[in-house]
Amino acid sequence: MARIIPIATDKDRAEAITAATEVLMRQRPVAIPTETVYGLAADATHPAAITSIYETKGRPRFNPLICHMADLAMAERYAVFDPLSRKLAEAFWPGPLTLVLPLQENCGIHPLATAGLDSVGIRVPVGFTAELIRNLGRPLAAPSANSSGRISPTTAQHVAADLGQKIDVIIDGGACPVGVESTIVKVEGGDVRLLRPGGIAVEAIEAVIGTVISRPKASGTAAIEAPGMLASHYAPDASVRLNATSVAQDEALIAFGSGDISGAAGAKALFNLSPVGDLAEAASNLFDYLKRADASGAKGIAVAAIPNEGLGEAINDRLMRAAAPRGTEE
């Protein structure tokens, strides 16, 4: 079973850096906390390390991995930044924004991490993970620390329950404050294209660039350019039903706000993403409540309507993929 190392004190943090670096140097993955979700991290420059991520998750190798950097200066050694991408990096890093950029020639990121593409998704995370990358001296490829296609983890306990028998170390940084994966964008010809909504609202990005972002194609029809673009993903065992106005007795209900849902009192289990209708609170609770609803023994999970604005766009993206027909997941 994986060793869980907390990082509540400076001493804990130093121990965690040392232990995680030792595992990473053996080309083994480590579960790490970020502000978005917990990641399953390994050296992005080493083929055996990257293979260990795919094998641990059961992830198809046509799906690229986000490479995490310590800072913008490090990112510039691995990717080519156009002026608009640099502007976005300076505005939102460290933070939950991933930029898909052309690879620098012979930069060292292994093709297994990029699924053979000539571009790479790069993010600079907040806090511990950036420290770990700086100590290792190499970027970390790090998808979410869960079995492929399943609900993303937002606590160390989520990781332990899923992958604890497959990995050596889990760094426990507490609950992830953002709770959904990063927003992914790509600059093409001066335009910014959204590949995946996430922890930064599209409106915030548009305020920085001064123009409207182009939205992705319908789910499942776009080429795979970045993580989280497969039609079915984030899936619990129970079926998921969206925009519910009623709930059956054999269903769990995930509500939002104070709206009435017919049959709520008789639901198998009841969770409210945010009783006051706060989308940031809802995002931080989303994956945890999906896991808890799935564990309730309910046949299905009914989810109330979520406003499709701000972080609601990322929440609805994850819910639509969780509710999609199975068989096309990671």
Protein backbone atom coordinates (compact mmCIF):
# COMPACT_ATOMS: atom_id res chain seq x y z
CA MET A 1 0.00 0.00 0.00
CA ALA A 2 1.23 3.50 -0.80
CA ARG A 3 2.89 5.58 1.89
CA ILE A 4 0.89 8.77 2.51
CA ILE A 5 3.08 11.75 3.44
CA PRO A 6 1.40 14.94 4.74
CA ILE A 7 2.88 18.38 4.04
CA ALA A 8 1.34 20.35 6.90
CA THR A 9 4.69 21.61 8.29
CA ASP A 10 8.02 22.68 6.83
CA LYS A 11 9.57 19.46 8.15
CA ASP A 12 6.82 17.39 6.49
CA ARG A 13 7.33 19.30 3.26
CA ALA A 14 11.08 18.67 3.21
CA GLU A 15 10.51 14.97 3.88
CA ALA A 16 7.91 14.79 1.13
CA ILE A 17 10.22 16.49 -1.40
CA THR A 18 13.01 14.03 -0.59
CA ALA A 19 10.78 10.94 -0.67
CA ALA A 20 8.97 11.94 -3.87
CA THR A 21 12.19 12.84 -5.67
CA GLU A 22 13.70 9.47 -4.76
CA VAL A 23 10.71 7.63 -6.27
CA LEU A 24 10.72 9.83 -9.37
CA MET A 25 14.43 9.15 -9.92
CA ARG A 26 13.55 5.44 -10.07
CA GLN A 27 11.16 6.24 -12.97
CA ARG A 28 8.15 5.47 -10.79
CA PRO A 29 5.05 7.69 -10.48
CA VAL A 30 4.12 9.71 -7.39
CA ALA A 31 0.68 11.08 -6.53
CA ILE A 32 0.92 14.82 -5.91
CA PRO A 33 -1.50 17.53 -4.77
CA THR A 34 -2.20 20.50 -7.01
CA GLU A 35 -4.74 23.28 -6.80
CA THR A 36 -6.89 21.52 -9.43
CA VAL A 37 -6.89 17.75 -8.71
CA TYR A 38 -4.32 15.21 -7.53
CA GLY A 39 -1.89 14.23 -10.27
CA LEU A 40 0.01 11.03 -11.03
CA ALA A 41 3.44 12.46 -11.78
CA ALA A 42 6.56 11.06 -13.43
CA ASP A 43 9.61 12.40 -15.25
CA ALA A 44 8.39 13.77 -18.60
CA THR A 45 11.78 13.15 -20.24
CA HIS A 46 12.11 9.44 -19.47
CA PRO A 47 10.20 6.78 -21.46
CA ALA A 48 10.09 4.24 -18.63
CA ALA A 49 8.70 6.85 -16.25
CA ILE A 50 5.98 7.88 -18.68
CA THR A 51 5.14 4.25 -19.41
CA SER A 52 4.65 3.74 -15.68
CA ILE A 53 1.93 6.42 -15.72
CA TYR A 54 0.08 4.76 -18.60
CA GLU A 55 0.36 1.34 -16.99
CA THR A 56 -0.76 2.54 -13.55
CA LYS A 57 -3.79 4.38 -14.93
CA GLY A 58 -4.61 1.94 -17.73
CA ARG A 59 -4.55 4.95 -20.03
CA PRO A 60 -4.43 4.71 -23.86
CA ARG A 61 -1.22 6.10 -25.28
CA PHE A 62 -2.89 8.22 -27.94
CA ASN A 63 -4.01 10.59 -25.18
CA PRO A 64 -1.31 13.20 -24.43
CA LEU A 65 -0.18 14.22 -20.95
CA ILE A 66 0.14 17.71 -19.51
CA CYS A 67 3.74 18.54 -18.62
CA HIS A 68 4.14 20.60 -15.45
CA MET A 69 6.93 23.14 -15.07
CA ALA A 70 8.38 24.98 -12.08
CA ASP A 71 7.98 28.40 -13.70
CA LEU A 72 7.76 30.24 -17.03
CA ALA A 73 11.53 30.26 -17.49
CA MET A 74 11.59 26.47 -17.30
CA ALA A 75 8.64 26.22 -19.68
CA GLU A 76 10.50 28.31 -22.27
CA ARG A 77 13.23 25.66 -22.44
CA TYR A 78 10.70 23.09 -23.65
CA ALA A 79 8.13 25.01 -25.71
CA VAL A 80 7.93 27.91 -28.17
CA PHE A 81 5.89 30.86 -26.88
CA ASP A 82 4.15 33.29 -29.23
CA PRO A 83 3.37 36.75 -27.77
CA LEU A 84 -0.26 35.91 -26.93
CA SER A 85 0.63 32.65 -25.19
CA ARG A 86 3.27 34.50 -23.19
CA LYS A 87 0.69 37.10 -22.18
CA LEU A 88 -1.61 34.35 -20.92
CA ALA A 89 1.23 32.62 -19.06
CA GLU A 90 2.20 35.86 -17.32
CA ALA A 91 -1.42 36.52 -16.38
CA PHE A 92 -2.40 33.09 -15.06
CA TRP A 93 0.74 31.19 -14.00
CA PRO A 94 1.13 29.69 -11.53
CA GLY A 95 -2.47 28.51 -11.76
CA PRO A 96 -5.01 26.26 -13.46
CA LEU A 97 -4.29 27.19 -17.10
CA THR A 98 -2.66 24.81 -19.60
CA LEU A 99 -1.22 26.18 -22.83
CA VAL A 100 -0.75 23.89 -25.84
CA LEU A 101 2.45 25.04 -27.53
CA PRO A 102 4.92 23.89 -30.20
CA LEU A 103 7.79 21.85 -28.80
CA GLN A 104 11.29 23.30 -28.83
CA GLU A 105 13.54 21.25 -31.10
CA ASN A 106 15.31 18.45 -29.20
CA CYS A 107 13.88 19.76 -25.93
CA GLY A 108 13.97 16.40 -24.18
CA ILE A 109 10.28 15.81 -23.49
CA HIS A 110 9.71 12.24 -24.62
CA PRO A 111 7.20 11.57 -27.46
CA LEU A 112 5.31 9.18 -25.16
CA ALA A 113 4.26 12.23 -23.10
CA THR A 114 2.94 14.09 -26.14
CA ALA A 115 1.38 11.04 -27.85
CA GLY A 116 3.72 11.75 -30.78
CA LEU A 117 2.35 15.26 -31.39
CA ASP A 118 4.67 18.17 -32.21
CA SER A 119 3.00 20.21 -29.46
CA VAL A 120 2.84 19.92 -25.69
CA GLY A 121 0.39 21.01 -23.02
CA ILE A 122 2.25 22.97 -20.33
CA ARG A 123 1.13 24.22 -16.94
CA VAL A 124 2.85 25.84 -13.95
CA PRO A 125 1.08 24.64 -10.79
CA VAL A 126 0.76 26.42 -7.46
CA GLY A 127 2.72 25.36 -4.39
CA PHE A 128 4.25 21.98 -3.57
CA THR A 129 4.36 20.53 -7.07
CA ALA A 130 6.37 23.48 -8.40
CA GLU A 131 8.83 22.96 -5.53
CA LEU A 132 9.12 19.27 -6.37
CA ILE A 133 9.75 20.00 -10.06
CA ARG A 134 12.42 22.53 -9.16
CA ASN A 135 14.12 19.98 -6.90
CA LEU A 136 13.98 17.26 -9.57
CA GLY A 137 15.19 19.65 -12.28
CA ARG A 138 12.95 18.16 -14.95
CA PRO A 139 9.28 18.61 -15.94
CA LEU A 140 6.66 16.25 -14.60
CA ALA A 141 4.05 14.65 -16.81
CA ALA A 142 1.00 14.37 -14.56
CA PRO A 143 -2.52 13.36 -15.53
CA SER A 144 -5.10 12.96 -12.77
CA ALA A 145 -4.23 10.26 -10.21
CA ASN A 146 -7.08 7.86 -10.91
CA SER A 147 -7.80 4.80 -13.02
CA SER A 148 -8.31 5.90 -16.59
CA GLY A 149 -11.71 7.31 -17.40
CA ARG A 150 -12.86 7.42 -13.78
CA ILE A 151 -13.68 10.29 -11.43
CA SER A 152 -10.71 12.56 -10.73
CA PRO A 153 -9.37 12.64 -7.14
CA THR A 154 -9.42 15.78 -5.02
CA THR A 155 -8.02 14.26 -1.79
CA ALA A 156 -5.18 11.91 -0.95
CA GLN A 157 -7.77 9.45 0.33
CA HIS A 158 -9.43 9.35 -3.10
CA VAL A 159 -6.06 8.41 -4.61
CA ALA A 160 -5.35 5.77 -1.99
CA ALA A 161 -8.73 4.10 -2.51
CA ASP A 162 -8.14 3.83 -6.26
CA LEU A 163 -4.39 3.50 -6.87
CA GLY A 164 -2.98 2.85 -3.41
CA GLN A 165 -1.94 -0.71 -4.28
CA LYS A 166 -0.14 0.39 -7.46
CA ILE A 167 2.07 3.29 -6.36
CA ASP A 168 4.68 3.89 -3.66
CA VAL A 169 3.98 7.42 -2.40
CA ILE A 170 1.01 9.78 -2.11
CA ILE A 171 1.72 13.35 -1.01
CA ASP A 172 -1.20 14.60 1.09
CA GLY A 173 -1.78 18.31 0.60
CA GLY A 174 -5.40 18.25 1.75
CA ALA A 175 -8.43 18.88 -0.42
CA CYS A 176 -7.75 20.57 -3.78
CA PRO A 177 -9.13 24.14 -3.61
CA VAL A 178 -10.16 24.42 -7.29
CA GLY A 179 -11.48 20.87 -7.67
CA VAL A 180 -11.62 20.58 -11.48
CA GLU A 181 -8.77 20.22 -13.95
CA SER A 182 -7.08 23.13 -15.68
CA THR A 183 -8.54 25.09 -18.54
CA ILE A 184 -6.69 24.18 -21.77
CA VAL A 185 -6.26 26.67 -24.61
CA LYS A 186 -4.24 26.85 -27.80
CA VAL A 187 -3.20 29.95 -29.72
CA GLU A 188 -3.46 29.60 -33.50
CA GLY A 189 -2.85 32.49 -35.87
CA GLY A 190 -3.58 35.08 -33.24
CA ASP A 191 -6.82 33.41 -32.12
CA VAL A 192 -7.26 31.53 -28.85
CA ARG A 193 -9.10 28.21 -29.05
CA LEU A 194 -10.62 26.47 -26.03
CA LEU A 195 -9.73 22.78 -25.92
CA ARG A 196 -11.13 22.08 -22.45
CA PRO A 197 -12.95 24.33 -19.97
CA GLY A 198 -11.55 24.14 -16.48
CA GLY A 199 -10.43 25.94 -13.35
CA ILE A 200 -10.12 29.38 -14.96
CA ALA A 201 -13.35 30.76 -16.38
CA VAL A 202 -13.26 31.52 -20.11
CA GLU A 203 -14.50 35.03 -19.33
CA ALA A 204 -11.34 35.72 -17.30
CA ILE A 205 -9.15 34.68 -20.23
CA GLU A 206 -11.19 36.79 -22.64
CA ALA A 207 -10.71 39.80 -20.35
CA VAL A 208 -6.92 39.41 -20.68
CA ILE A 209 -6.77 38.85 -24.46
CA GLY A 210 -9.52 41.34 -25.33
CA THR A 211 -11.32 39.01 -27.72
CA VAL A 212 -13.71 36.06 -27.73
CA ILE A 213 -12.32 32.54 -27.42
CA SER A 214 -13.45 30.03 -30.02
CA ARG A 215 -15.28 27.09 -28.45
CA PRO A 216 -14.52 23.38 -29.06
CA LYS A 217 -16.40 21.18 -31.48
CA ALA A 218 -19.16 18.94 -30.21
CA SER A 219 -17.93 16.38 -27.68
CA GLY A 220 -16.30 13.37 -29.24
CA THR A 221 -15.84 14.90 -32.71
CA ALA A 222 -12.60 16.84 -32.23
CA ALA A 223 -9.13 15.41 -32.76
CA ILE A 224 -7.34 14.58 -29.51
CA GLU A 225 -4.98 17.53 -28.95
CA ALA A 226 -5.01 17.61 -25.17
CA PRO A 227 -6.17 15.60 -22.15
CA GLY A 228 -9.86 15.46 -21.25
CA MET A 229 -11.15 15.58 -24.84
CA LEU A 230 -12.51 12.03 -25.01
CA ALA A 231 -16.30 11.77 -25.14
CA SER A 232 -16.63 9.55 -22.06
CA HIS A 233 -14.52 10.44 -19.05
CA TYR A 234 -14.79 11.12 -15.30
CA ALA A 235 -17.27 8.22 -15.16
CA PRO A 236 -18.72 6.66 -11.97
CA ASP A 237 -20.06 3.10 -11.98
CA ALA A 238 -23.64 4.37 -11.67
CA SER A 239 -25.32 5.99 -14.66
CA VAL A 240 -25.49 9.78 -14.63
CA ARG A 241 -28.60 11.78 -15.60
CA LEU A 242 -28.24 15.52 -16.14
CA ASN A 243 -30.55 18.53 -15.72
CA ALA A 244 -32.75 16.51 -13.37
CA THR A 245 -35.98 18.04 -12.07
CA SER A 246 -36.95 14.90 -10.17
CA VAL A 247 -35.18 11.95 -8.56
CA ALA A 248 -36.21 8.31 -8.08
CA GLN A 249 -35.78 6.37 -4.84
CA ASP A 250 -33.00 4.23 -6.32
CA GLU A 251 -31.05 7.32 -7.46
CA ALA A 252 -28.66 9.61 -5.62
CA LEU A 253 -29.25 13.32 -6.13
CA ILE A 254 -26.56 15.94 -6.65
CA ALA A 255 -28.34 19.26 -6.26
CA PHE A 256 -27.21 22.84 -6.82
CA GLY A 257 -28.56 25.92 -5.08
CA SER A 258 -31.93 26.09 -3.40
CA GLY A 259 -34.14 24.84 -6.25
CA ASP A 260 -36.73 22.18 -5.55
CA ILE A 261 -36.19 18.71 -7.00
CA SER A 262 -39.25 16.45 -6.92
CA GLY A 263 -38.64 13.33 -4.81
CA ALA A 264 -35.45 14.70 -3.18
CA ALA A 265 -36.52 13.62 0.30
CA GLY A 266 -36.75 9.97 -0.83
CA ALA A 267 -33.48 9.83 -2.78
CA LYS A 268 -30.95 7.11 -2.00
CA ALA A 269 -28.46 9.85 -1.08
CA LEU A 270 -28.49 13.64 -1.31
CA PHE A 271 -25.59 16.04 -1.89
CA ASN A 272 -25.66 19.75 -2.76
CA LEU A 273 -22.69 21.13 -4.69
CA SER A 274 -23.40 24.59 -3.27
CA PRO A 275 -26.59 25.39 -1.34
CA VAL A 276 -26.00 29.10 -2.01
CA GLY A 277 -25.41 28.59 -5.75
CA ASP A 278 -21.68 29.44 -5.72
CA LEU A 279 -20.00 27.94 -8.80
CA ALA A 280 -16.50 27.96 -7.27
CA GLU A 281 -17.79 25.96 -4.29
CA ALA A 282 -19.62 23.64 -6.68
CA ALA A 283 -16.45 23.01 -8.70
CA SER A 284 -14.43 22.19 -5.59
CA ASN A 285 -17.08 19.68 -4.46
CA LEU A 286 -17.89 18.09 -7.84
CA PHE A 287 -15.62 15.05 -7.98
CA ASP A 288 -15.87 14.30 -4.26
CA TYR A 289 -19.69 14.31 -4.43
CA LEU A 290 -19.71 12.17 -7.58
CA LYS A 291 -17.54 9.62 -5.75
CA ARG A 292 -19.76 9.72 -2.66
CA ALA A 293 -22.95 9.40 -4.71
CA ASP A 294 -21.44 6.45 -6.58
CA ALA A 295 -20.47 4.79 -3.28
CA SER A 296 -24.02 5.16 -1.91
CA GLY A 297 -25.24 2.08 -3.78
CA ALA A 298 -27.57 4.11 -5.96
CA LYS A 299 -28.49 2.68 -9.36
CA GLY A 300 -28.11 6.10 -10.94
CA ILE A 301 -27.05 9.65 -10.13
CA ALA A 302 -29.42 12.50 -10.94
CA VAL A 303 -27.74 15.90 -11.23
CA ALA A 304 -29.61 19.19 -11.10
CA ALA A 305 -29.04 21.83 -13.76
CA ILE A 306 -25.89 23.93 -13.40
CA PRO A 307 -25.68 27.42 -14.98
CA ASN A 308 -23.38 27.26 -18.01
CA GLU A 309 -21.41 30.37 -17.19
CA GLY A 310 -18.06 31.01 -15.49
CA LEU A 311 -16.85 27.83 -13.81
CA GLY A 312 -20.23 26.29 -14.62
CA GLU A 313 -18.92 25.65 -18.13
CA ALA A 314 -16.17 23.39 -16.73
CA ILE A 315 -18.59 21.67 -14.35
CA ASN A 316 -21.04 20.93 -17.17
CA ASP A 317 -18.22 19.67 -19.40
CA ARG A 318 -17.19 17.12 -16.75
CA LEU A 319 -20.80 16.10 -16.10
CA MET A 320 -21.55 15.60 -19.81
CA ARG A 321 -18.51 13.35 -20.16
CA ALA A 322 -19.48 11.45 -17.00
CA ALA A 323 -22.95 10.90 -18.47
CA ALA A 324 -21.76 9.94 -21.98
CA PRO A 325 -22.24 6.39 -23.31
CA ARG A 326 -19.43 4.13 -22.08
CA GLY A 327 -16.89 2.54 -24.38
CA THR A 328 -15.08 5.73 -25.52
CA GLU A 329 -13.42 6.58 -22.23
CA GLU A 330 -9.70 6.93 -21.51
